[in-house]
PDB file of N, CA and C in Angstrom:
ATOM      1  N   MET A   1     106.316   0.716  27.117  1.00  0.00           N
ATOM      2  CA  MET A   1     106.821  -0.754  27.211  1.00  0.00           C
ATOM      3  C   MET A   1     106.690  -0.970  25.720  1.00  0.00           C
ATOM      4  N   LYS A   2     107.357  -1.065  25.024  1.00  0.00           N
ATOM      5  CA  LYS A   2     107.520  -1.745  23.199  1.00  0.00           C
ATOM      6  C   LYS A   2     106.685  -2.947  23.555  1.00  0.00           C
ATOM      7  N   ILE A   3     105.981  -2.888  21.789  1.00  0.00           N
ATOM      8  CA  ILE A   3     105.290  -4.424  21.776  1.00  0.00           C
ATOM      9  C   ILE A   3     106.118  -5.409  21.502  1.00  0.00           C
ATOM     10  N   SER A   4     107.292  -5.055  21.300  1.00  0.00           N
ATOM     11  CA  SER A   4     107.814  -6.749  21.082  1.00  0.00           C
ATOM     12  C   SER A   4     108.372  -7.178  22.570  1.00  0.00           C
ATOM     13  N   VAL A   5     108.353  -6.298  23.704  1.00  0.00           N
ATOM     14  CA  VAL A   5     109.114  -6.480  25.119  1.00  0.00           C
ATOM     15  C   VAL A   5     107.629  -7.519  25.127  1.00  0.00           C
ATOM     16  N   ALA A   6     106.730  -6.763  25.657  1.00  0.00           N
ATOM     17  CA  ALA A   6     105.526  -7.219  26.164  1.00  0.00           C
ATOM     18  C   ALA A   6     105.147  -8.932  25.418  1.00  0.00           C
ATOM     19  N   LEU A   7     105.130  -8.463  24.552  1.00  0.00           N
ATOM     20  CA  LEU A   7     105.532 -10.306  23.527  1.00  0.00           C
ATOM     21  C   LEU A   7     106.667 -10.949  23.873  1.00  0.00           C
ATOM     22  N   LEU A   8     107.495 -10.764  24.294  1.00  0.00           N
ATOM     23  CA  LEU A   8     108.696 -11.505  24.802  1.00  0.00           C
ATOM     24  C   LEU A   8     108.080 -11.725  26.137  1.00  0.00           C
ATOM     25  N   TRP A   9     107.721 -11.271  27.319  1.00  0.00           N
ATOM     26  CA  TRP A   9     107.058 -11.734  28.156  1.00  0.00           C
ATOM     27  C   TRP A   9     105.843 -12.761  28.193  1.00  0.00           C
ATOM     28  N   ILE A  10     105.182 -12.264  27.242  1.00  0.00           N
ATOM     29  CA  ILE A  10     103.714 -13.088  26.838  1.00  0.00           C
ATOM     30  C   ILE A  10     103.896 -14.566  26.595  1.00  0.00           C
ATOM     31  N   THR A  11     105.659 -14.569  25.260  1.00  0.00           N
ATOM     32  CA  THR A  11     105.108 -15.873  25.038  1.00  0.00           C
ATOM     33  C   THR A  11     106.652 -17.172  25.864  1.00  0.00           C
ATOM     34  N   GLY A  12     107.367 -15.564  26.724  1.00  0.00           N
ATOM     35  CA  GLY A  12     108.563 -16.613  27.790  1.00  0.00           C
ATOM     36  C   GLY A  12     107.266 -17.310  28.578  1.00  0.00           C
ATOM     37  N   LEU A  13     106.414 -16.397  29.541  1.00  0.00           N
ATOM     38  CA  LEU A  13     105.740 -16.790  30.369  1.00  0.00           C
ATOM     39  C   LEU A  13     105.062 -18.596  29.672  1.00  0.00           C
ATOM     40  N   ALA A  14     103.894 -18.296  28.502  1.00  0.00           N
ATOM     41  CA  ALA A  14     103.489 -19.517  27.786  1.00  0.00           C
ATOM     42  C   ALA A  14     104.541 -20.549  27.743  1.00  0.00           C
ATOM     43  N   GLU A  15     105.484 -20.056  27.120  1.00  0.00           N
ATOM     44  CA  GLU A  15     106.177 -21.208  27.712  1.00  0.00           C
ATOM     45  C   GLU A  15     107.162 -21.914  28.255  1.00  0.00           C
ATOM     46  N   ALA A  16     107.188 -21.413  29.401  1.00  0.00           N
ATOM     47  CA  ALA A  16     107.482 -21.619  31.012  1.00  0.00           C
ATOM     48  C   ALA A  16     106.101 -22.388  31.044  1.00  0.00           C
ATOM     49  N   ALA A  17     104.934 -21.899  30.946  1.00  0.00           N
ATOM     50  CA  ALA A  17     103.620 -22.880  31.702  1.00  0.00           C
ATOM     51  C   ALA A  17     104.185 -24.257  30.579  1.00  0.00           C
ATOM     52  N   LEU A  18     104.727 -24.348  29.850  1.00  0.00           N
ATOM     53  CA  LEU A  18     104.521 -25.451  28.525  1.00  0.00           C
ATOM     54  C   LEU A  18     105.420 -26.636  29.059  1.00  0.00           C
ATOM     55  N   ALA A  19     106.643 -25.798  30.107  1.00  0.00           N
ATOM     56  CA  ALA A  19     107.632 -26.615  30.159  1.00  0.00           C
ATOM     57  C   ALA A  19     107.718 -26.766  31.753  1.00  0.00           C
ATOM     58  N   ILE A  20     105.998 -27.276  32.114  1.00  0.00           N
ATOM     59  CA  ILE A  20     105.926 -27.450  33.402  1.00  0.00           C
ATOM     60  C   ILE A  20     105.677 -29.246  33.782  1.00  0.00           C
ATOM     61  N   PRO A  21     106.815 -30.083  34.431  1.00  0.00           N
ATOM     62  CA  PRO A  21     106.518 -31.396  33.670  1.00  0.00           C
ATOM     63  C   PRO A  21     104.927 -32.010  34.190  1.00  0.00           C
ATOM     64  N   PHE A  22     104.656 -33.067  32.886  1.00  0.00           N
ATOM     65  CA  PHE A  22     103.183 -33.499  32.661  1.00  0.00           C
ATOM     66  C   PHE A  22     102.287 -32.646  32.441  1.00  0.00           C
ATOM     67  N   ILE A  23     102.597 -31.711  33.371  1.00  0.00           N
ATOM     68  CA  ILE A  23     101.291 -30.814  32.754  1.00  0.00           C
ATOM     69  C   ILE A  23     101.143 -30.309  31.529  1.00  0.00           C
ATOM     70  N   GLY A  24     102.381 -29.606  31.043  1.00  0.00           N
ATOM     71  CA  GLY A  24     102.197 -28.819  29.974  1.00  0.00           C
ATOM     72  C   GLY A  24     102.282 -30.079  28.825  1.00  0.00           C
ATOM     73  N   GLY A  25     102.549 -31.612  29.206  1.00  0.00           N
ATOM     74  CA  GLY A  25     102.874 -31.989  28.011  1.00  0.00           C
ATOM     75  C   GLY A  25     101.261 -32.687  27.675  1.00  0.00           C
ATOM     76  N   SER A  26     100.189 -32.925  28.724  1.00  0.00           N
ATOM     77  CA  SER A  26      99.198 -33.242  28.818  1.00  0.00           C
ATOM     78  C   SER A  26      98.192 -32.293  28.648  1.00  0.00           C
ATOM     79  N   PHE A  27      98.520 -30.438  28.373  1.00  0.00           N
ATOM     80  CA  PHE A  27      97.465 -29.599  27.610  1.00  0.00           C
ATOM     81  C   PHE A  27      97.994 -29.826  26.735  1.00  0.00           C
ATOM     82  N   VAL A  28      99.282 -30.088  26.174  1.00  0.00           N
ATOM     83  CA  VAL A  28     100.038 -30.139  24.497  1.00  0.00           C
ATOM     84  C   VAL A  28      98.865 -30.892  24.026  1.00  0.00           C
ATOM     85  N   ILE A  29      98.828 -32.025  24.413  1.00  0.00           N
ATOM     86  CA  ILE A  29      98.137 -33.621  24.282  1.00  0.00           C
ATOM     87  C   ILE A  29      96.142 -33.552  23.848  1.00  0.00           C
ATOM     88  N   SER A  30      96.333 -32.837  25.152  1.00  0.00           N
ATOM     89  CA  SER A  30      94.801 -32.705  25.103  1.00  0.00           C
ATOM     90  C   SER A  30      94.308 -31.458  24.286  1.00  0.00           C
ATOM     91  N   THR A  31      95.057 -30.392  24.048  1.00  0.00           N
ATOM     92  CA  THR A  31      94.322 -29.679  22.407  1.00  0.00           C
ATOM     93  C   THR A  31      94.727 -30.096  21.207  1.00  0.00           C
ATOM     94  N   GLY A  32      95.241 -31.545  21.257  1.00  0.00           N
ATOM     95  CA  GLY A  32      95.476 -32.447  20.277  1.00  0.00           C
ATOM     96  C   GLY A  32      96.696 -31.554  19.277  1.00  0.00           C
ATOM     97  N   TYR A  33      97.940 -30.938  20.167  1.00  0.00           N
ATOM     98  CA  TYR A  33      99.017 -30.512  19.407  1.00  0.00           C
ATOM     99  C   TYR A  33      98.370 -28.820  18.846  1.00  0.00           C
ATOM    100  N   THR A  34      97.613 -28.170  18.579  1.00  0.00           N
ATOM    101  CA  THR A  34      96.939 -27.192  18.853  1.00  0.00           C
ATOM    102  C   THR A  34      97.816 -26.076  19.367  1.00  0.00           C
ATOM    103  N   ALA A  35      97.720 -26.701  20.500  1.00  0.00           N
ATOM    104  CA  ALA A  35      98.629 -25.210  21.427  1.00  0.00           C
ATOM    105  C   ALA A  35     100.011 -25.146  20.735  1.00  0.00           C
ATOM    106  N   LEU A  36     100.921 -26.348  20.027  1.00  0.00           N
ATOM    107  CA  LEU A  36     101.807 -25.769  19.518  1.00  0.00           C
ATOM    108  C   LEU A  36     102.012 -24.970  18.005  1.00  0.00           C
ATOM    109  N   GLY A  37     100.796 -25.618  17.828  1.00  0.00           N
ATOM    110  CA  GLY A  37     100.590 -24.314  16.776  1.00  0.00           C
ATOM    111  C   GLY A  37     100.348 -22.838  16.575  1.00  0.00           C
ATOM    112  N   VAL A  38      99.323 -22.817  17.499  1.00  0.00           N
ATOM    113  CA  VAL A  38      99.097 -21.089  18.078  1.00  0.00           C
ATOM    114  C   VAL A  38     100.639 -20.815  18.818  1.00  0.00           C
ATOM    115  N   MET A  39     101.365 -21.457  19.438  1.00  0.00           N
ATOM    116  CA  MET A  39     102.415 -20.932  19.999  1.00  0.00           C
ATOM    117  C   MET A  39     103.684 -20.690  18.684  1.00  0.00           C
ATOM    118  N   PHE A  40     103.608 -21.342  17.125  1.00  0.00           N
ATOM    119  CA  PHE A  40     104.550 -20.841  16.554  1.00  0.00           C
ATOM    120  C   PHE A  40     103.545 -19.439  15.712  1.00  0.00           C
ATOM    121  N   VAL A  41     102.576 -19.263  15.893  1.00  0.00           N
ATOM    122  CA  VAL A  41     101.681 -18.333  15.579  1.00  0.00           C
ATOM    123  C   VAL A  41     102.411 -16.758  16.091  1.00  0.00           C
ATOM    124  N   LEU A  42     102.114 -17.370  17.479  1.00  0.00           N
ATOM    125  CA  LEU A  42     102.801 -16.197  18.550  1.00  0.00           C
ATOM    126  C   LEU A  42     104.061 -15.614  18.583  1.00  0.00           C
ATOM    127  N   HIS A  43     104.984 -17.094  18.188  1.00  0.00           N
ATOM    128  CA  HIS A  43     106.546 -16.542  18.113  1.00  0.00           C
ATOM    129  C   HIS A  43     106.715 -15.892  16.891  1.00  0.00           C
ATOM    130  N   ALA A  44     105.656 -15.718  15.795  1.00  0.00           N
ATOM    131  CA  ALA A  44     106.277 -15.594  14.258  1.00  0.00           C
ATOM    132  C   ALA A  44     105.482 -14.100  14.600  1.00  0.00           C
ATOM    133  N   ILE A  45     104.697 -13.688  15.261  1.00  0.00           N
ATOM    134  CA  ILE A  45     104.238 -11.839  15.526  1.00  0.00           C
ATOM    135  C   ILE A  45     105.373 -11.452  16.337  1.00  0.00           C
ATOM    136  N   THR A  46     105.890 -12.041  17.551  1.00  0.00           N
ATOM    137  CA  THR A  46     106.536 -11.719  18.229  1.00  0.00           C
ATOM    138  C   THR A  46     107.990 -11.408  17.584  1.00  0.00           C
ATOM    139  N   LEU A  47     108.635 -12.344  16.557  1.00  0.00           N
ATOM    140  CA  LEU A  47     109.571 -12.024  16.163  1.00  0.00           C
ATOM    141  C   LEU A  47     109.300 -10.771  14.456  1.00  0.00           C
ATOM    142  N   PHE A  48     108.354 -10.881  14.391  1.00  0.00           N
ATOM    143  CA  PHE A  48     107.653  -8.955  13.330  1.00  0.00           C
ATOM    144  C   PHE A  48     108.256  -8.169  13.993  1.00  0.00           C
ATOM    145  N   PHE A  49     107.695  -8.060  15.246  1.00  0.00           N
ATOM    146  CA  PHE A  49     107.722  -6.936  15.836  1.00  0.00           C
ATOM    147  C   PHE A  49     109.207  -6.957  16.641  1.00  0.00           C
ATOM    148  N   CYS A  50     109.799  -7.777  16.939  1.00  0.00           N
ATOM    149  CA  CYS A  50     111.565  -7.405  17.696  1.00  0.00           C
ATOM    150  C   CYS A  50     112.344  -7.342  16.139  1.00  0.00           C
ATOM    151  N   PHE A  51     111.752  -7.526  15.011  1.00  0.00           N
ATOM    152  CA  PHE A  51     112.477  -7.269  13.720  1.00  0.00           C
ATOM    153  C   PHE A  51     112.091  -5.739  13.890  1.00  0.00           C
ATOM    154  N   ARG A  52     110.636  -4.995  14.188  1.00  0.00           N
ATOM    155  CA  ARG A  52     110.407  -3.861  13.711  1.00  0.00           C
ATOM    156  C   ARG A  52     110.799  -2.875  14.665  1.00  0.00           C
ATOM    157  N   GLU A  53     111.353  -3.311  15.943  1.00  0.00           N
ATOM    158  CA  GLU A  53     111.358  -2.737  17.091  1.00  0.00           C
ATOM    159  C   GLU A  53     113.331  -2.355  17.685  1.00  0.00           C
ATOM    160  N   TYR A  54     113.871  -3.691  16.323  1.00  0.00           N
ATOM    161  CA  TYR A  54     114.800  -3.518  16.815  1.00  0.00           C
ATOM    162  C   TYR A  54     115.258  -4.235  18.515  1.00  0.00           C
ATOM    163  N   SER A  55     114.824  -5.272  18.690  1.00  0.00           N
ATOM    164  CA  SER A  55     115.206  -6.087  19.787  1.00  0.00           C
ATOM    165  C   SER A  55     115.053  -7.134  19.716  1.00  0.00           C
ATOM    166  N   PRO A  56     116.017  -8.405  21.020  1.00  0.00           N
ATOM    167  CA  PRO A  56     116.352  -9.546  20.573  1.00  0.00           C
ATOM    168  C   PRO A  56     115.892 -10.797  19.946  1.00  0.00           C
ATOM    169  N   LYS A  57     116.018 -11.135  18.748  1.00  0.00           N
ATOM    170  CA  LYS A  57     115.200 -11.823  18.128  1.00  0.00           C
ATOM    171  C   LYS A  57     115.574 -13.424  18.483  1.00  0.00           C
ATOM    172  N   SER A  58     116.299 -13.674  19.119  1.00  0.00           N
ATOM    173  CA  SER A  58     116.769 -15.186  19.139  1.00  0.00           C
ATOM    174  C   SER A  58     115.673 -15.948  19.727  1.00  0.00           C
ATOM    175  N   GLY A  59     115.713 -15.797  20.834  1.00  0.00           N
ATOM    176  CA  GLY A  59     113.802 -16.144  21.749  1.00  0.00           C
ATOM    177  C   GLY A  59     112.646 -16.323  20.848  1.00  0.00           C
ATOM    178  N   SER A  60     112.315 -16.016  19.765  1.00  0.00           N
ATOM    179  CA  SER A  60     111.593 -15.635  19.154  1.00  0.00           C
ATOM    180  C   SER A  60     111.970 -17.097  17.624  1.00  0.00           C
ATOM    181  N   ILE A  61     112.881 -16.456  17.094  1.00  0.00           N
ATOM    182  CA  ILE A  61     113.337 -17.839  16.355  1.00  0.00           C
ATOM    183  C   ILE A  61     113.608 -19.358  17.537  1.00  0.00           C
ATOM    184  N   LEU A  62     113.956 -19.133  18.432  1.00  0.00           N
ATOM    185  CA  LEU A  62     114.042 -20.211  19.038  1.00  0.00           C
ATOM    186  C   LEU A  62     112.908 -20.839  19.462  1.00  0.00           C
ATOM    187  N   GLY A  63     111.949 -20.017  20.167  1.00  0.00           N
ATOM    188  CA  GLY A  63     110.386 -20.235  19.695  1.00  0.00           C
ATOM    189  C   GLY A  63     109.780 -21.022  18.587  1.00  0.00           C
ATOM    190  N   ILE A  64     110.244 -20.823  17.193  1.00  0.00           N
ATOM    191  CA  ILE A  64     109.288 -21.040  16.197  1.00  0.00           C
ATOM    192  C   ILE A  64     110.402 -23.003  15.891  1.00  0.00           C
ATOM    193  N   ILE A  65     111.356 -22.932  15.914  1.00  0.00           N
ATOM    194  CA  ILE A  65     111.910 -24.366  16.664  1.00  0.00           C
ATOM    195  C   ILE A  65     111.217 -24.798  17.702  1.00  0.00           C
ATOM    196  N   THR A  66     111.474 -24.916  18.287  1.00  0.00           N
ATOM    197  CA  THR A  66     110.659 -25.040  19.596  1.00  0.00           C
ATOM    198  C   THR A  66     109.010 -25.553  18.979  1.00  0.00           C
ATOM    199  N   SER A  67     108.147 -25.101  18.537  1.00  0.00           N
ATOM    200  CA  SER A  67     107.318 -25.541  18.457  1.00  0.00           C
ATOM    201  C   SER A  67     107.100 -26.332  17.129  1.00  0.00           C
ATOM    202  N   VAL A  68     108.085 -26.416  16.102  1.00  0.00           N
ATOM    203  CA  VAL A  68     108.040 -27.010  15.172  1.00  0.00           C
ATOM    204  C   VAL A  68     108.123 -28.901  16.254  1.00  0.00           C
ATOM    205  N   LEU A  69     109.508 -28.665  16.912  1.00  0.00           N
ATOM    206  CA  LEU A  69     109.985 -29.960  17.506  1.00  0.00           C
ATOM    207  C   LEU A  69     108.996 -30.342  18.492  1.00  0.00           C
ATOM    208  N   ALA A  70     108.718 -30.149  19.542  1.00  0.00           N
ATOM    209  CA  ALA A  70     108.466 -30.420  20.523  1.00  0.00           C
ATOM    210  C   ALA A  70     106.978 -31.350  20.542  1.00  0.00           C
ATOM    211  N   TRP A  71     106.790 -31.588  19.932  1.00  0.00           N
ATOM    212  CA  TRP A  71     105.751 -33.194  19.948  1.00  0.00           C
ATOM    213  C   TRP A  71     107.163 -34.096  20.426  1.00  0.00           C
ATOM    214  N   ILE A  72     107.993 -34.106  20.392  1.00  0.00           N
ATOM    215  CA  ILE A  72     109.383 -34.808  20.736  1.00  0.00           C
ATOM    216  C   ILE A  72     108.976 -34.765  22.046  1.00  0.00           C
ATOM    217  N   PRO A  73     108.899 -36.227  23.117  1.00  0.00           N
ATOM    218  CA  PRO A  73     108.267 -35.793  24.200  1.00  0.00           C
ATOM    219  C   PRO A  73     109.587 -35.048  25.289  1.00  0.00           C
ATOM    220  N   LEU A  74     110.760 -36.044  25.385  1.00  0.00           N
ATOM    221  CA  LEU A  74     111.710 -35.122  26.374  1.00  0.00           C
ATOM    222  C   LEU A  74     112.243 -34.321  25.803  1.00  0.00           C
ATOM    223  N   ILE A  75     112.580 -34.444  24.413  1.00  0.00           N
ATOM    224  CA  ILE A  75     113.407 -32.652  23.578  1.00  0.00           C
ATOM    225  C   ILE A  75     112.100 -31.300  23.771  1.00  0.00           C
ATOM    226  N   GLY A  76     111.055 -31.967  23.483  1.00  0.00           N
ATOM    227  CA  GLY A  76     110.082 -30.519  23.535  1.00  0.00           C
ATOM    228  C   GLY A  76     110.387 -29.734  25.022  1.00  0.00           C
ATOM    229  N   TRP A  77     109.836 -31.079  26.144  1.00  0.00           N
ATOM    230  CA  TRP A  77     110.364 -30.584  27.354  1.00  0.00           C
ATOM    231  C   TRP A  77     111.002 -29.528  27.736  1.00  0.00           C
ATOM    232  N   ALA A  78     112.579 -30.032  26.820  1.00  0.00           N
ATOM    233  CA  ALA A  78     114.095 -29.385  27.014  1.00  0.00           C
ATOM    234  C   ALA A  78     114.011 -28.075  26.497  1.00  0.00           C
ATOM    235  N   LEU A  79     113.277 -28.430  25.395  1.00  0.00           N
ATOM    236  CA  LEU A  79     113.224 -27.388  24.032  1.00  0.00           C
ATOM    237  C   LEU A  79     112.387 -25.685  25.119  1.00  0.00           C
ATOM    238  N   HIS A  80     111.318 -26.493  26.089  1.00  0.00           N
ATOM    239  CA  HIS A  80     110.049 -25.323  26.131  1.00  0.00           C
ATOM    240  C   HIS A  80     110.721 -24.807  27.661  1.00  0.00           C
ATOM    241  N   LEU A  81     111.530 -25.435  28.012  1.00  0.00           N
ATOM    242  CA  LEU A  81     112.303 -25.036  28.726  1.00  0.00           C
ATOM    243  C   LEU A  81     113.519 -23.884  28.602  1.00  0.00           C
ATOM    244  N   LEU A  82     114.016 -24.514  27.441  1.00  0.00           N
ATOM    245  CA  LEU A  82     115.292 -23.605  27.332  1.00  0.00           C
ATOM    246  C   LEU A  82     114.783 -22.022  26.684  1.00  0.00           C
ATOM    247  N   THR A  83     113.638 -22.175  25.673  1.00  0.00           N
ATOM    248  CA  THR A  83     113.415 -21.097  24.866  1.00  0.00           C
ATOM    249  C   THR A  83     112.522 -20.476  26.542  1.00  0.00           C
ATOM    250  N   ALA A  84     111.517 -20.841  27.272  1.00  0.00           N
ATOM    251  CA  ALA A  84     111.620 -19.677  28.327  1.00  0.00           C
ATOM    252  C   ALA A  84     112.046 -19.152  28.980  1.00  0.00           C
ATOM    253  N   PHE A  85     113.310 -19.832  29.523  1.00  0.00           N
ATOM    254  CA  PHE A  85     114.469 -18.514  29.841  1.00  0.00           C
ATOM    255  C   PHE A  85     115.125 -18.019  28.898  1.00  0.00           C
ATOM    256  N   VAL A  86     115.425 -17.884  27.351  1.00  0.00           N
ATOM    257  CA  VAL A  86     115.924 -17.169  26.633  1.00  0.00           C
ATOM    258  C   VAL A  86     114.796 -15.978  26.638  1.00  0.00           C
ATOM    259  N   LEU A  87     113.396 -16.515  26.536  1.00  0.00           N
ATOM    260  CA  LEU A  87     112.479 -15.521  26.145  1.00  0.00           C
ATOM    261  C   LEU A  87     112.444 -14.579  27.460  1.00  0.00           C
ATOM    262  N   ILE A  88     112.943 -14.758  28.191  1.00  0.00           N
ATOM    263  CA  ILE A  88     112.111 -14.044  29.802  1.00  0.00           C
ATOM    264  C   ILE A  88     113.172 -13.591  30.263  1.00  0.00           C
ATOM    265  N   VAL A  89     114.640 -13.412  29.711  1.00  0.00           N
ATOM    266  CA  VAL A  89     115.858 -12.724  29.557  1.00  0.00           C
ATOM    267  C   VAL A  89     115.423 -11.374  28.875  1.00  0.00           C
ATOM    268  N   SER A  90     114.807 -12.271  27.618  1.00  0.00           N
ATOM    269  CA  SER A  90     115.498 -11.461  26.629  1.00  0.00           C
ATOM    270  C   SER A  90     114.529  -9.781  27.184  1.00  0.00           C
ATOM    271  N   ALA A  91     113.635  -9.862  27.551  1.00  0.00           N
ATOM    272  CA  ALA A  91     112.346  -9.628  28.035  1.00  0.00           C
ATOM    273  C   ALA A  91     112.893  -8.408  28.449  1.00  0.00           C
ATOM    274  N   MET A  92     113.716  -9.288  29.614  1.00  0.00           N
ATOM    275  CA  MET A  92     114.129  -8.556  30.927  1.00  0.00           C
ATOM    276  C   MET A  92     115.252  -7.333  30.323  1.00  0.00           C
ATOM    277  N   VAL A  93     116.554  -7.867  29.387  1.00  0.00           N
ATOM    278  CA  VAL A  93     117.398  -7.240  29.061  1.00  0.00           C
ATOM    279  C   VAL A  93     116.490  -6.158  27.737  1.00  0.00           C
ATOM    280  N   SER A  94     115.884  -6.416  27.003  1.00  0.00           N
ATOM    281  CA  SER A  94     114.995  -5.147  26.232  1.00  0.00           C
ATOM    282  C   SER A  94     113.702  -4.619  27.150  1.00  0.00           C
ATOM    283  N   GLY A  95     113.270  -4.438  28.453  1.00  0.00           N
ATOM    284  CA  GLY A  95     112.635  -4.112  29.181  1.00  0.00           C
ATOM    285  C   GLY A  95     113.333  -2.761  30.225  1.00  0.00           C
ATOM    286  N   PHE A  96     115.237  -3.432  30.478  1.00  0.00           N
ATOM    287  CA  PHE A  96     115.495  -2.651  31.162  1.00  0.00           C
ATOM    288  C   PHE A  96     116.643  -1.087  29.720  1.00  0.00           C
ATOM    289  N   GLY A  97     117.012  -1.842  29.021  1.00  0.00           N
ATOM    290  CA  GLY A  97     117.310  -0.923  27.888  1.00  0.00           C
ATOM    291  C   GLY A  97     116.433   0.210  27.456  1.00  0.00           C
ATOM    292  N   SER A  98     115.302  -0.009  27.324  1.00  0.00           N
ATOM    293  CA  SER A  98     114.480   0.984  27.020  1.00  0.00           C
ATOM    294  C   SER A  98     113.893   2.066  27.730  1.00  0.00           C
ATOM    295  N   ARG A  99     114.638   1.425  29.205  1.00  0.00           N
ATOM    296  CA  ARG A  99     113.748   2.788  30.150  1.00  0.00           C
ATOM    297  C   ARG A  99     115.093   3.088  30.097  1.00  0.00           C
ATOM    298  N   ALA A 100     116.479   2.991  30.297  1.00  0.00           N
ATOM    299  CA  ALA A 100     117.735   3.648  29.981  1.00  0.00           C
ATOM    300  C   ALA A 100     117.944   4.989  29.147  1.00  0.00           C
ATOM    301  N   ARG A 101     116.937   5.381  27.955  1.00  0.00           N
ATOM    302  CA  ARG A 101     117.050   5.966  27.212  1.00  0.00           C
ATOM    303  C   ARG A 101     115.973   7.027  27.642  1.00  0.00           C
ATOM    304  N   ILE A 102     115.272   6.891  28.499  1.00  0.00           N
ATOM    305  CA  ILE A 102     114.425   7.777  28.203  1.00  0.00           C
ATOM    306  C   ILE A 102     114.754   8.929  29.445  1.00  0.00           C
TER     307      ILE A 102
END
């Protein structure tokens, strides 16, 4: 498995966890919004590996935007949900694509 695909899965599942109503928001607030900074860094690292390994980049770019705007309550929830979906679909497509070449 490519590093970029593994990172897409990790960031996608993390975004899905942050999209859980009340639980995700409570976690972000209890960490003093540090969770959003950590996700920003993870998305930036994932984007680097996506460029390096020619994997889909849209989920990581959306994740960076989400990390910047997620402090807004309802918009943050919707962005986390959308980003999780895009990242997980990107990971699935990239994962299947790499297996077909073997």
